[in-house]
C-alpha atoms as a PDB file:
ATOM      1  CA  MET A   1     -14.347  21.687  -3.865  1.00  0.00           C
ATOM      2  CA  SER A   2     -14.064  24.422  -6.463  1.00  0.00           C
ATOM      3  CA  ALA A   3     -11.055  26.708  -6.727  1.00  0.00           C
ATOM      4  CA  ASP A   4     -13.123  29.537  -5.269  1.00  0.00           C
ATOM      5  CA  ALA A   5     -14.134  27.492  -2.218  1.00  0.00           C
ATOM      6  CA  ALA A   6     -10.568  26.233  -1.797  1.00  0.00           C
ATOM      7  CA  GLY A   7      -9.293  29.813  -1.802  1.00  0.00           C
ATOM      8  CA  ILE A   8     -11.795  30.834   0.844  1.00  0.00           C
ATOM      9  CA  THR A   9     -10.877  27.780   2.923  1.00  0.00           C
ATOM     10  CA  ALA A  10      -7.149  28.502   2.652  1.00  0.00           C
ATOM     11  CA  CYS A  11      -7.660  32.122   3.659  1.00  0.00           C
ATOM     12  CA  LEU A  12      -9.809  31.111   6.625  1.00  0.00           C
ATOM     13  CA  PHE A  13      -7.077  28.702   7.763  1.00  0.00           C
ATOM     14  CA  ALA A  14      -4.431  31.400   7.404  1.00  0.00           C
ATOM     15  CA  LEU A  15      -6.460  34.042   9.219  1.00  0.00           C
ATOM     16  CA  SER A  16      -7.276  31.620  12.015  1.00  0.00           C
ATOM     17  CA  HIS A  17      -3.623  30.722  12.439  1.00  0.00           C
ATOM     18  CA  LEU A  18      -2.566  34.369  12.386  1.00  0.00           C
ATOM     19  CA  SER A  19      -5.210  35.329  14.923  1.00  0.00           C
ATOM     20  CA  PHE A  20      -3.518  33.058  17.477  1.00  0.00           C
ATOM     21  CA  GLN A  21       0.004  34.213  16.575  1.00  0.00           C
ATOM     22  CA  ILE A  22      -0.678  37.935  16.254  1.00  0.00           C
ATOM     23  CA  GLN A  23      -3.521  38.828  18.547  1.00  0.00           C
ATOM     24  CA  HIS A  24      -4.763  41.874  16.681  1.00  0.00           C
ATOM     25  CA  GLU A  25      -8.434  42.763  16.394  1.00  0.00           C
ATOM     26  CA  SER A  26      -8.304  43.334  12.633  1.00  0.00           C
ATOM     27  CA  ILE A  27      -7.182  39.760  11.913  1.00  0.00           C
ATOM     28  CA  ALA A  28     -10.066  38.308  13.893  1.00  0.00           C
ATOM     29  CA  SER A  29     -12.412  40.764  12.223  1.00  0.00           C
ATOM     30  CA  HIS A  30     -11.271  39.702   8.743  1.00  0.00           C
ATOM     31  CA  PHE A  31     -11.695  36.049   9.704  1.00  0.00           C
ATOM     32  CA  HIS A  32     -15.280  36.645  10.813  1.00  0.00           C
ATOM     33  CA  GLN A  33     -16.098  38.733   7.740  1.00  0.00           C
ATOM     34  CA  LEU A  34     -14.764  36.014   5.429  1.00  0.00           C
ATOM     35  CA  ARG A  35     -16.586  33.317   7.406  1.00  0.00           C
ATOM     36  CA  ASP A  36     -19.829  35.282   7.030  1.00  0.00           C
ATOM     37  CA  TYR A  37     -19.159  35.491   3.286  1.00  0.00           C
ATOM     38  CA  ALA A  38     -18.430  31.745   3.198  1.00  0.00           C
ATOM     39  CA  LEU A  39     -21.790  31.028   4.831  1.00  0.00           C
ATOM     40  CA  GLU A  40     -23.475  32.540   1.752  1.00  0.00           C
ATOM     41  CA  HIS A  41     -21.310  30.576  -0.713  1.00  0.00           C
ATOM     42  CA  ALA A  42     -22.844  27.715  -2.714  1.00  0.00           C
ATOM     43  CA  GLU A  43     -20.301  25.348  -1.129  1.00  0.00           C
ATOM     44  CA  ALA A  44     -20.738  26.661   2.411  1.00  0.00           C
ATOM     45  CA  SER A  45     -21.112  23.213   3.942  1.00  0.00           C
ATOM     46  CA  VAL A  46     -17.903  21.983   2.308  1.00  0.00           C
ATOM     47  CA  ILE A  47     -15.956  25.077   3.398  1.00  0.00           C
ATOM     48  CA  LEU A  48     -17.204  24.863   6.977  1.00  0.00           C
ATOM     49  CA  ALA A  49     -16.482  21.131   7.156  1.00  0.00           C
ATOM     50  CA  ALA A  50     -12.932  21.767   5.962  1.00  0.00           C
ATOM     51  CA  ILE A  51     -12.197  24.411   8.599  1.00  0.00           C
ATOM     52  CA  ASP A  52     -13.851  22.529  11.440  1.00  0.00           C
END
């Protein structure tokens, strides 16, 4: 996993965790926006496997 993909993965983990701790619409929105971005990444399958 490249540094870029690892950064996306770490941010997705953090946003997911925060969305359960602080139930605010903007956190969930950022998670989904970043996940959509990750789906277009060259290492999408690796990122999605890591957060699954």
